[in-house]
Amino acid sequence: MHDMGVRSEHAHLAGMASIGLGVAAWATSLEVEPGLGLDRADRWGLFVGEWAPTFFGLGLALSHYEQQDGTLNAPVHEIREQQQKKVG
């Protein structure tokens, strides 16, 4: 993933977004599907809420890789230049 340009910050932002999306899915399910009750809304919220730990775990793994690679604090354009030098 790191070689494709995905950084730890991207995964952490996706984790934060999925927390908000889980709350939004829960609230939306309550409003859009009123006859199905709270149980249905809870299932939607939990389903989306399970994404957050996955994204945070990916972010942590990418962060460790970036620390070993020496690219943790490097801007994206510097990383791309390093990759082009390795290839070319």
C-alpha atoms as a PDB file:
ATOM      1  CA  MET A   1       0.000   0.000   0.000  1.00  0.00           C
ATOM      2  CA  HIS A   2       2.835   2.354   0.819  1.00  0.00           C
ATOM      3  CA  ASP A   3       4.319   1.870  -2.632  1.00  0.00           C
ATOM      4  CA  MET A   4       0.974   2.883  -4.143  1.00  0.00           C
ATOM      5  CA  GLY A   5       1.136   6.203  -2.297  1.00  0.00           C
ATOM      6  CA  VAL A   6      -1.109   5.394   0.668  1.00  0.00           C
ATOM      7  CA  ARG A   7       0.302   7.031   3.805  1.00  0.00           C
ATOM      8  CA  SER A   8      -0.459   6.409   7.445  1.00  0.00           C
ATOM      9  CA  GLU A   9      -2.246   9.749   7.578  1.00  0.00           C
ATOM     10  CA  HIS A  10      -4.671   8.570   4.900  1.00  0.00           C
ATOM     11  CA  ALA A  11      -5.584   5.473   6.890  1.00  0.00           C
ATOM     12  CA  HIS A  12      -5.998   7.454  10.110  1.00  0.00           C
ATOM     13  CA  LEU A  13      -8.251   9.976   8.349  1.00  0.00           C
ATOM     14  CA  ALA A  14     -10.321   7.112   6.934  1.00  0.00           C
ATOM     15  CA  GLY A  15     -10.688   5.744  10.470  1.00  0.00           C
ATOM     16  CA  MET A  16     -11.910   9.085  11.770  1.00  0.00           C
ATOM     17  CA  ALA A  17     -14.304   9.441   8.842  1.00  0.00           C
ATOM     18  CA  SER A  18     -15.708   5.959   9.425  1.00  0.00           C
ATOM     19  CA  ILE A  19     -16.562   6.868  13.032  1.00  0.00           C
ATOM     20  CA  GLY A  20     -18.604   9.804  11.776  1.00  0.00           C
ATOM     21  CA  LEU A  21     -20.108   7.665   9.045  1.00  0.00           C
ATOM     22  CA  GLY A  22     -21.137   5.055  11.624  1.00  0.00           C
ATOM     23  CA  VAL A  23     -23.011   7.667  13.648  1.00  0.00           C
ATOM     24  CA  ALA A  24     -24.579   9.044  10.471  1.00  0.00           C
ATOM     25  CA  ALA A  25     -25.628   5.531   9.344  1.00  0.00           C
ATOM     26  CA  TRP A  26     -27.232   4.892  12.719  1.00  0.00           C
ATOM     27  CA  ALA A  27     -29.129   8.196  12.720  1.00  0.00           C
ATOM     28  CA  THR A  28     -30.160   7.844   9.086  1.00  0.00           C
ATOM     29  CA  SER A  29     -31.451   4.337   9.663  1.00  0.00           C
ATOM     30  CA  LEU A  30     -33.609   5.596  12.518  1.00  0.00           C
ATOM     31  CA  GLU A  31     -35.157   8.257  10.273  1.00  0.00           C
ATOM     32  CA  VAL A  32     -35.424   6.409   6.947  1.00  0.00           C
ATOM     33  CA  GLU A  33     -36.534   3.026   8.301  1.00  0.00           C
ATOM     34  CA  PRO A  34     -38.831   3.982  11.193  1.00  0.00           C
ATOM     35  CA  GLY A  35     -40.812   0.730  11.190  1.00  0.00           C
ATOM     36  CA  LEU A  36     -37.766  -1.465  11.682  1.00  0.00           C
ATOM     37  CA  GLY A  37     -36.828  -0.019  15.052  1.00  0.00           C
ATOM     38  CA  LEU A  38     -33.676   0.655  16.997  1.00  0.00           C
ATOM     39  CA  ASP A  39     -32.216  -2.822  16.452  1.00  0.00           C
ATOM     40  CA  ARG A  40     -31.860  -2.247  12.714  1.00  0.00           C
ATOM     41  CA  ALA A  41     -30.224   1.152  13.269  1.00  0.00           C
ATOM     42  CA  ASP A  42     -27.820  -0.384  15.782  1.00  0.00           C
ATOM     43  CA  ARG A  43     -26.793  -3.048  13.278  1.00  0.00           C
ATOM     44  CA  TRP A  44     -26.066  -0.421  10.604  1.00  0.00           C
ATOM     45  CA  GLY A  45     -24.077   1.692  13.037  1.00  0.00           C
ATOM     46  CA  LEU A  46     -22.070  -1.301  14.258  1.00  0.00           C
ATOM     47  CA  PHE A  47     -21.429  -2.544  10.717  1.00  0.00           C
ATOM     48  CA  VAL A  48     -19.903   0.761   9.648  1.00  0.00           C
ATOM     49  CA  GLY A  49     -18.290   1.240  13.058  1.00  0.00           C
ATOM     50  CA  GLU A  50     -16.233  -1.912  12.565  1.00  0.00           C
ATOM     51  CA  TRP A  51     -14.319  -0.193   9.779  1.00  0.00           C
ATOM     52  CA  ALA A  52     -12.614   2.275  12.131  1.00  0.00           C
ATOM     53  CA  PRO A  53     -10.349  -0.241  13.947  1.00  0.00           C
ATOM     54  CA  THR A  54      -9.347  -1.714  10.593  1.00  0.00           C
ATOM     55  CA  PHE A  55      -8.304   1.662   9.217  1.00  0.00           C
ATOM     56  CA  PHE A  56      -6.487   2.578  12.438  1.00  0.00           C
ATOM     57  CA  GLY A  57      -4.645  -0.759  12.351  1.00  0.00           C
ATOM     58  CA  LEU A  58      -3.599  -0.132   8.754  1.00  0.00           C
ATOM     59  CA  GLY A  59      -2.479   3.361   9.741  1.00  0.00           C
ATOM     60  CA  LEU A  60      -0.369   1.970  12.561  1.00  0.00           C
ATOM     61  CA  ALA A  61       1.216  -0.631  10.290  1.00  0.00           C
ATOM     62  CA  LEU A  62       1.954   1.983   7.642  1.00  0.00           C
ATOM     63  CA  SER A  63       3.410   4.281  10.307  1.00  0.00           C
ATOM     64  CA  HIS A  64       5.813   1.553  11.437  1.00  0.00           C
ATOM     65  CA  TYR A  65       6.796   0.919   7.830  1.00  0.00           C
ATOM     66  CA  GLU A  66       7.348   4.650   7.261  1.00  0.00           C
ATOM     67  CA  GLN A  67       9.525   4.873  10.378  1.00  0.00           C
ATOM     68  CA  GLN A  68      11.728   2.026   9.155  1.00  0.00           C
ATOM     69  CA  ASP A  69      11.769   3.394   5.622  1.00  0.00           C
ATOM     70  CA  GLY A  70      12.644   6.896   6.819  1.00  0.00           C
ATOM     71  CA  THR A  71       9.649   8.477   5.089  1.00  0.00           C
ATOM     72  CA  LEU A  72       7.448   9.166   8.113  1.00  0.00           C
ATOM     73  CA  ASN A  73       7.926  12.936   8.015  1.00  0.00           C
ATOM     74  CA  ALA A  74       8.779  13.255   4.329  1.00  0.00           C
ATOM     75  CA  PRO A  75       6.416  15.100   1.989  1.00  0.00           C
ATOM     76  CA  VAL A  76       4.720  13.019  -0.674  1.00  0.00           C
ATOM     77  CA  HIS A  77       6.691  14.602  -3.542  1.00  0.00           C
ATOM     78  CA  GLU A  78      10.004  13.577  -1.913  1.00  0.00           C
ATOM     79  CA  ILE A  79       8.813   9.989  -1.604  1.00  0.00           C
ATOM     80  CA  ARG A  80       7.809   9.926  -5.270  1.00  0.00           C
ATOM     81  CA  GLU A  81      11.219  11.304  -6.265  1.00  0.00           C
ATOM     82  CA  GLN A  82      12.929   8.550  -4.229  1.00  0.00           C
ATOM     83  CA  GLN A  83      10.777   5.899  -5.892  1.00  0.00           C
ATOM     84  CA  GLN A  84      11.560   7.261  -9.350  1.00  0.00           C
ATOM     85  CA  LYS A  85      15.288   7.168  -8.589  1.00  0.00           C
ATOM     86  CA  LYS A  86      15.008   3.522  -7.502  1.00  0.00           C
ATOM     87  CA  VAL A  87      13.160   2.581 -10.694  1.00  0.00           C
ATOM     88  CA  GLY A  88      15.195   4.715 -13.100  1.00  0.00           C
END
